[in-house]
Amino acid sequence: MTNRNKVFGLLGLAMKAGKVQSGEFSTEKSVKSGKARLVIVSDESSENTKKMFRNMCTYYEVPYFEFGGKEELGRAVGKRMRASLAVLDQGFSEAIEKQLSMNGGSEYEGE
């Protein structure tokens, strides 16, 4: 199983546990309320969306990654296309962050 598939699998488990918020509005709300432990924005998102979340995550000190396509992220959490996801659980976020860091090419800001 590749790191990519592990990330999507972990996102699916986190979603089943009720620890994922998806969509721009919900992700933004999670970050600003201090609940988000990790933010993933699709590679296919607009530069404006990426910049907004990158700046927000830097300010609120939340790890930020650009990863996967919109359809892939949506499928991982059992939804339609998703441009952004926030993981709310520390354990899931650490496991996903570890896989994303091994994946290479991911962008990380925070801490």
C-alpha atoms as a PDB file:
ATOM      1  CA  MET A   1       0.000   0.000   0.000  1.00  0.00           C
ATOM      2  CA  THR A   2       1.477   3.351  -1.021  1.00  0.00           C
ATOM      3  CA  ASN A   3       1.712   6.338   1.276  1.00  0.00           C
ATOM      4  CA  ARG A   4      -0.920   8.046  -0.889  1.00  0.00           C
ATOM      5  CA  ASN A   5      -3.407   5.251  -0.287  1.00  0.00           C
ATOM      6  CA  LYS A   6      -2.585   5.230   3.430  1.00  0.00           C
ATOM      7  CA  VAL A   7      -3.396   8.955   3.633  1.00  0.00           C
ATOM      8  CA  PHE A   8      -6.755   8.415   1.928  1.00  0.00           C
ATOM      9  CA  GLY A   9      -7.447   5.401   4.178  1.00  0.00           C
ATOM     10  CA  LEU A  10      -6.659   7.400   7.319  1.00  0.00           C
ATOM     11  CA  LEU A  11      -8.877  10.241   6.103  1.00  0.00           C
ATOM     12  CA  GLY A  12     -11.710   7.728   5.623  1.00  0.00           C
ATOM     13  CA  LEU A  13     -11.254   6.354   9.150  1.00  0.00           C
ATOM     14  CA  ALA A  14     -11.130   9.859  10.608  1.00  0.00           C
ATOM     15  CA  MET A  15     -14.330  10.744   8.736  1.00  0.00           C
ATOM     16  CA  LYS A  16     -16.112   7.652  10.087  1.00  0.00           C
ATOM     17  CA  ALA A  17     -15.008   8.704  13.576  1.00  0.00           C
ATOM     18  CA  GLY A  18     -16.524  12.142  12.974  1.00  0.00           C
ATOM     19  CA  LYS A  19     -13.153  13.884  13.119  1.00  0.00           C
ATOM     20  CA  VAL A  20     -13.087  15.539   9.660  1.00  0.00           C
ATOM     21  CA  GLN A  21     -14.670  18.751   8.434  1.00  0.00           C
ATOM     22  CA  SER A  22     -14.803  19.148   4.667  1.00  0.00           C
ATOM     23  CA  GLY A  23     -15.484  22.039   2.341  1.00  0.00           C
ATOM     24  CA  GLU A  24     -14.043  25.533   2.441  1.00  0.00           C
ATOM     25  CA  PHE A  25     -16.498  27.060   4.925  1.00  0.00           C
ATOM     26  CA  SER A  26     -16.287  24.183   7.443  1.00  0.00           C
ATOM     27  CA  THR A  27     -12.498  23.960   7.144  1.00  0.00           C
ATOM     28  CA  GLU A  28     -12.114  27.702   7.699  1.00  0.00           C
ATOM     29  CA  LYS A  29     -14.470  27.580  10.705  1.00  0.00           C
ATOM     30  CA  SER A  30     -12.498  24.662  12.214  1.00  0.00           C
ATOM     31  CA  VAL A  31      -9.183  26.500  11.873  1.00  0.00           C
ATOM     32  CA  LYS A  32     -10.474  29.779  13.302  1.00  0.00           C
ATOM     33  CA  SER A  33     -12.201  28.042  16.229  1.00  0.00           C
ATOM     34  CA  GLY A  34      -8.982  26.201  17.132  1.00  0.00           C
ATOM     35  CA  LYS A  35     -10.397  22.715  16.499  1.00  0.00           C
ATOM     36  CA  ALA A  36      -8.361  21.882  13.375  1.00  0.00           C
ATOM     37  CA  ARG A  37      -5.189  19.865  13.954  1.00  0.00           C
ATOM     38  CA  LEU A  38      -4.290  19.503  10.258  1.00  0.00           C
ATOM     39  CA  VAL A  39      -5.510  21.079   7.008  1.00  0.00           C
ATOM     40  CA  ILE A  40      -5.290  19.468   3.577  1.00  0.00           C
ATOM     41  CA  VAL A  41      -6.045  21.512   0.467  1.00  0.00           C
ATOM     42  CA  SER A  42      -6.345  19.852  -2.938  1.00  0.00           C
ATOM     43  CA  ASP A  43      -3.533  20.346  -5.456  1.00  0.00           C
ATOM     44  CA  GLU A  44      -6.283  21.301  -7.918  1.00  0.00           C
ATOM     45  CA  SER A  45      -7.594  24.204  -5.786  1.00  0.00           C
ATOM     46  CA  SER A  46      -7.216  27.736  -7.070  1.00  0.00           C
ATOM     47  CA  GLU A  47      -4.117  29.691  -6.091  1.00  0.00           C
ATOM     48  CA  ASN A  48      -6.401  32.065  -4.200  1.00  0.00           C
ATOM     49  CA  THR A  49      -7.826  29.218  -2.084  1.00  0.00           C
ATOM     50  CA  LYS A  50      -4.362  27.774  -1.413  1.00  0.00           C
ATOM     51  CA  LYS A  51      -3.019  31.186  -0.387  1.00  0.00           C
ATOM     52  CA  MET A  52      -5.982  31.863   1.902  1.00  0.00           C
ATOM     53  CA  PHE A  53      -5.566  28.548   3.771  1.00  0.00           C
ATOM     54  CA  ARG A  54      -1.751  28.763   3.779  1.00  0.00           C
ATOM     55  CA  ASN A  55      -1.907  32.211   5.441  1.00  0.00           C
ATOM     56  CA  MET A  56      -4.686  31.177   7.831  1.00  0.00           C
ATOM     57  CA  CYS A  57      -2.855  28.012   8.904  1.00  0.00           C
ATOM     58  CA  THR A  58       0.389  29.923   9.417  1.00  0.00           C
ATOM     59  CA  TYR A  59      -1.405  32.481  11.600  1.00  0.00           C
ATOM     60  CA  TYR A  60      -3.274  29.857  13.668  1.00  0.00           C
ATOM     61  CA  GLU A  61      -0.248  27.497  13.703  1.00  0.00           C
ATOM     62  CA  VAL A  62      -2.024  24.564  12.069  1.00  0.00           C
ATOM     63  CA  PRO A  63      -0.020  22.147   9.865  1.00  0.00           C
ATOM     64  CA  TYR A  64      -0.939  22.693   6.197  1.00  0.00           C
ATOM     65  CA  PHE A  65      -0.525  20.356   3.224  1.00  0.00           C
ATOM     66  CA  GLU A  66      -1.432  20.502  -0.448  1.00  0.00           C
ATOM     67  CA  PHE A  67      -2.282  16.958  -1.470  1.00  0.00           C
ATOM     68  CA  GLY A  68      -4.457  14.990  -3.884  1.00  0.00           C
ATOM     69  CA  GLY A  69      -7.128  15.923  -6.363  1.00  0.00           C
ATOM     70  CA  LYS A  70     -10.562  17.250  -5.445  1.00  0.00           C
ATOM     71  CA  GLU A  71     -12.256  13.980  -6.449  1.00  0.00           C
ATOM     72  CA  GLU A  72      -9.704  11.900  -4.509  1.00  0.00           C
ATOM     73  CA  LEU A  73     -10.200  13.923  -1.327  1.00  0.00           C
ATOM     74  CA  GLY A  74     -13.969  13.743  -1.710  1.00  0.00           C
ATOM     75  CA  ARG A  75     -13.933  10.003  -2.315  1.00  0.00           C
ATOM     76  CA  ALA A  76     -11.699   9.470   0.745  1.00  0.00           C
ATOM     77  CA  VAL A  77     -14.324  11.043   3.009  1.00  0.00           C
ATOM     78  CA  GLY A  78     -17.371   9.614   1.230  1.00  0.00           C
ATOM     79  CA  LYS A  79     -18.446  12.889  -0.382  1.00  0.00           C
ATOM     80  CA  ARG A  80     -18.343  14.508  -3.779  1.00  0.00           C
ATOM     81  CA  MET A  81     -15.412  16.732  -4.766  1.00  0.00           C
ATOM     82  CA  ARG A  82     -13.737  18.506  -1.849  1.00  0.00           C
ATOM     83  CA  ALA A  83     -11.158  21.305  -2.133  1.00  0.00           C
ATOM     84  CA  SER A  84     -10.241  21.318   1.558  1.00  0.00           C
ATOM     85  CA  LEU A  85     -10.395  19.146   4.665  1.00  0.00           C
ATOM     86  CA  ALA A  86      -9.662  19.786   8.331  1.00  0.00           C
ATOM     87  CA  VAL A  87      -8.734  16.876  10.611  1.00  0.00           C
ATOM     88  CA  LEU A  88      -9.942  17.543  14.165  1.00  0.00           C
ATOM     89  CA  ASP A  89      -8.273  14.675  16.056  1.00  0.00           C
ATOM     90  CA  GLN A  90      -4.631  14.886  17.204  1.00  0.00           C
ATOM     91  CA  GLY A  91      -3.930  11.174  16.721  1.00  0.00           C
ATOM     92  CA  PHE A  92      -5.327  11.043  13.190  1.00  0.00           C
ATOM     93  CA  SER A  93      -3.586  14.293  12.248  1.00  0.00           C
ATOM     94  CA  GLU A  94      -0.199  13.000  13.441  1.00  0.00           C
ATOM     95  CA  ALA A  95      -0.610   9.742  11.517  1.00  0.00           C
ATOM     96  CA  ILE A  96      -1.687  11.564   8.345  1.00  0.00           C
ATOM     97  CA  GLU A  97       1.059  14.161   8.706  1.00  0.00           C
ATOM     98  CA  LYS A  98       3.633  11.378   9.019  1.00  0.00           C
ATOM     99  CA  GLN A  99       2.407   9.777   5.772  1.00  0.00           C
ATOM    100  CA  LEU A 100       2.285  13.130   3.964  1.00  0.00           C
ATOM    101  CA  SER A 101       5.836  13.951   5.064  1.00  0.00           C
ATOM    102  CA  MET A 102       7.052  10.600   3.708  1.00  0.00           C
ATOM    103  CA  ASN A 103       5.164  11.259   0.477  1.00  0.00           C
ATOM    104  CA  GLY A 104       7.542  14.091  -0.375  1.00  0.00           C
ATOM    105  CA  GLY A 105       6.685  17.269  -2.197  1.00  0.00           C
ATOM    106  CA  SER A 106       4.068  18.220   0.379  1.00  0.00           C
ATOM    107  CA  GLU A 107       4.128  21.712   1.733  1.00  0.00           C
ATOM    108  CA  TYR A 108       4.189  22.154   5.484  1.00  0.00           C
ATOM    109  CA  GLU A 109       3.821  25.346   7.426  1.00  0.00           C
ATOM    110  CA  GLY A 110       3.310  25.736  11.115  1.00  0.00           C
ATOM    111  CA  GLU A 111       4.847  24.881  14.462  1.00  0.00           C
END
